[in-house]
Every structure is written in structure tokens, then in C-alpha cells.
Amino acid sequence: MLKSEYTNHVSFQNLFHVKLKVAEYIEIWYNRKRPHSKLGYVSPNFYYNYKKVKVA
């Protein structure tokens, strides 16, 4: 279910814009911030930043 905070106060012009915004939410906000079990229950952003620091 799409977070209501993301869609509050937004009016969509047509179905294309709805699909575009939903895809944007999933790819940019949801997938990058939520914890993933395969990454040790941390977000991908945290995991990859931690890995960069550890390697460097």
C-alpha cells in the first residue's frame, strides 16, 4: 500500500502520472530506505556506504 504521506496534497493528471509517481516512490524511497534481510536488516544505502568505508 502506498504511503498516504507521499500522495497527500497531490492531484494526478492521468493514469500515466500515477504510475510514474508510484514507481518513483518504490525505487527511490521504499527500496532504498527499508531494511533488507539479505543485507543484515539494514537499508541498502547504509549497507553500501558501510561497505565503502570498510574497504577504503
N, C-alpha and C. Protein backbone atom coordinates (compact mmCIF):
# COMPACT_ATOMS: atom_id res chain seq x y z
N MET A 1 0.84 -1.18 0.00
CA MET A 1 0.00 0.00 0.00
C MET A 1 0.89 1.24 0.00
N LEU A 2 0.56 2.16 -0.85
CA LEU A 2 1.33 3.39 -0.98
C LEU A 2 1.12 4.27 0.25
N LYS A 3 2.18 4.78 0.79
CA LYS A 3 2.08 5.63 1.97
C LYS A 3 1.24 6.86 1.66
N SER A 4 0.34 7.17 2.56
CA SER A 4 -0.53 8.32 2.34
C SER A 4 0.24 9.63 2.41
N GLU A 5 1.35 9.65 3.15
CA GLU A 5 2.14 10.87 3.24
C GLU A 5 2.71 11.26 1.89
N TYR A 6 2.99 10.28 1.06
CA TYR A 6 3.57 10.54 -0.25
C TYR A 6 2.55 11.14 -1.21
N THR A 7 1.31 10.76 -1.07
CA THR A 7 0.30 11.19 -2.03
C THR A 7 -0.61 12.29 -1.49
N ASN A 8 -0.45 12.68 -0.24
CA ASN A 8 -1.28 13.77 0.30
C ASN A 8 -1.01 15.06 -0.47
N HIS A 9 -2.07 15.78 -0.72
CA HIS A 9 -1.99 17.08 -1.38
C HIS A 9 -1.43 17.01 -2.79
N VAL A 10 -1.56 15.86 -3.44
CA VAL A 10 -1.11 15.71 -4.82
C VAL A 10 -2.31 15.31 -5.66
N SER A 11 -2.48 16.00 -6.77
CA SER A 11 -3.52 15.58 -7.71
C SER A 11 -2.82 15.13 -8.99
N PHE A 12 -3.20 13.99 -9.46
CA PHE A 12 -2.58 13.40 -10.63
C PHE A 12 -3.36 13.77 -11.88
N GLN A 13 -2.63 14.05 -12.96
CA GLN A 13 -3.26 14.46 -14.21
C GLN A 13 -3.93 13.29 -14.93
N ASN A 14 -3.29 12.13 -14.87
CA ASN A 14 -3.83 10.95 -15.55
C ASN A 14 -3.17 9.69 -15.00
N LEU A 15 -3.53 8.56 -15.53
CA LEU A 15 -3.02 7.28 -15.05
C LEU A 15 -1.52 7.16 -15.24
N PHE A 16 -0.99 7.72 -16.31
CA PHE A 16 0.45 7.69 -16.56
C PHE A 16 1.21 8.34 -15.40
N HIS A 17 0.75 9.50 -14.95
CA HIS A 17 1.41 10.20 -13.84
C HIS A 17 1.28 9.43 -12.52
N VAL A 18 0.18 8.76 -12.33
CA VAL A 18 0.03 7.92 -11.13
C VAL A 18 1.07 6.82 -11.16
N LYS A 19 1.19 6.13 -12.28
CA LYS A 19 2.17 5.04 -12.41
C LYS A 19 3.59 5.55 -12.24
N LEU A 20 3.86 6.70 -12.79
CA LEU A 20 5.19 7.30 -12.69
C LEU A 20 5.54 7.60 -11.24
N LYS A 21 4.63 8.20 -10.50
CA LYS A 21 4.88 8.55 -9.11
C LYS A 21 4.98 7.32 -8.21
N VAL A 22 4.18 6.30 -8.50
CA VAL A 22 4.26 5.06 -7.71
C VAL A 22 5.61 4.40 -7.94
N ALA A 23 6.05 4.32 -9.19
CA ALA A 23 7.35 3.73 -9.50
C ALA A 23 8.47 4.53 -8.85
N GLU A 24 8.36 5.85 -8.86
CA GLU A 24 9.35 6.71 -8.23
C GLU A 24 9.41 6.44 -6.73
N TYR A 25 8.26 6.33 -6.11
CA TYR A 25 8.22 6.06 -4.67
C TYR A 25 8.89 4.72 -4.35
N ILE A 26 8.57 3.71 -5.12
CA ILE A 26 9.12 2.38 -4.86
C ILE A 26 10.62 2.36 -5.06
N GLU A 27 11.09 2.87 -6.17
CA GLU A 27 12.52 2.81 -6.49
C GLU A 27 13.37 3.77 -5.68
N ILE A 28 12.89 4.96 -5.44
CA ILE A 28 13.73 5.96 -4.78
C ILE A 28 13.58 5.93 -3.27
N TRP A 29 12.39 5.82 -2.76
CA TRP A 29 12.17 5.91 -1.31
C TRP A 29 12.07 4.56 -0.65
N TYR A 30 11.16 3.72 -1.11
CA TYR A 30 10.88 2.47 -0.39
C TYR A 30 12.05 1.50 -0.46
N ASN A 31 12.52 1.17 -1.64
CA ASN A 31 13.56 0.16 -1.78
C ASN A 31 14.90 0.58 -1.21
N ARG A 32 15.20 1.87 -1.19
CA ARG A 32 16.49 2.33 -0.70
C ARG A 32 16.53 2.54 0.80
N LYS A 33 15.38 2.70 1.41
CA LYS A 33 15.36 3.01 2.85
C LYS A 33 14.94 1.85 3.74
N ARG A 34 14.16 0.92 3.24
CA ARG A 34 13.67 -0.13 4.11
C ARG A 34 14.75 -1.18 4.35
N PRO A 35 14.76 -1.78 5.52
CA PRO A 35 15.75 -2.82 5.82
C PRO A 35 15.51 -4.08 4.98
N HIS A 36 16.58 -4.70 4.54
CA HIS A 36 16.51 -5.94 3.76
C HIS A 36 17.17 -7.06 4.55
N SER A 37 16.52 -8.19 4.59
CA SER A 37 17.05 -9.31 5.36
C SER A 37 18.38 -9.82 4.81
N LYS A 38 18.57 -9.79 3.50
CA LYS A 38 19.83 -10.28 2.91
C LYS A 38 21.01 -9.35 3.20
N LEU A 39 20.72 -8.14 3.64
CA LEU A 39 21.79 -7.19 3.96
C LEU A 39 21.97 -7.05 5.46
N GLY A 40 21.47 -8.00 6.22
CA GLY A 40 21.61 -7.95 7.67
C GLY A 40 20.63 -7.00 8.32
N TYR A 41 19.48 -6.83 7.69
CA TYR A 41 18.40 -5.98 8.20
C TYR A 41 18.82 -4.51 8.32
N VAL A 42 19.59 -4.05 7.36
CA VAL A 42 19.89 -2.62 7.23
C VAL A 42 19.44 -2.18 5.84
N SER A 43 19.31 -0.88 5.66
CA SER A 43 18.88 -0.36 4.36
C SER A 43 20.01 -0.50 3.35
N PRO A 44 19.68 -0.59 2.07
CA PRO A 44 20.73 -0.67 1.06
C PRO A 44 21.69 0.53 1.11
N ASN A 45 21.16 1.73 1.35
CA ASN A 45 22.04 2.90 1.45
C ASN A 45 23.05 2.73 2.58
N PHE A 46 22.61 2.30 3.74
CA PHE A 46 23.51 2.10 4.87
C PHE A 46 24.53 1.01 4.55
N TYR A 47 24.07 -0.10 3.99
CA TYR A 47 24.94 -1.23 3.68
C TYR A 47 26.06 -0.83 2.73
N TYR A 48 25.70 -0.18 1.62
CA TYR A 48 26.72 0.17 0.63
C TYR A 48 27.65 1.27 1.13
N ASN A 49 27.14 2.21 1.91
CA ASN A 49 28.02 3.24 2.49
C ASN A 49 28.97 2.62 3.51
N TYR A 50 28.48 1.69 4.31
CA TYR A 50 29.31 1.00 5.28
C TYR A 50 30.38 0.19 4.58
N LYS A 51 29.99 -0.49 3.51
CA LYS A 51 30.93 -1.31 2.75
C LYS A 51 32.02 -0.46 2.12
N LYS A 52 31.67 0.73 1.61
CA LYS A 52 32.66 1.65 1.03
C LYS A 52 33.68 2.07 2.08
N VAL A 53 33.20 2.43 3.27
CA VAL A 53 34.08 2.89 4.35
C VAL A 53 34.99 1.75 4.80
N LYS A 54 34.45 0.55 4.89
CA LYS A 54 35.20 -0.59 5.36
C LYS A 54 36.32 -0.95 4.36
N VAL A 55 36.04 -0.85 3.06
CA VAL A 55 37.01 -1.20 2.03
C VAL A 55 38.06 -0.11 1.90
N ALA A 56 37.67 1.14 2.02
CA ALA A 56 38.60 2.26 1.80
C ALA A 56 39.59 2.45 2.90
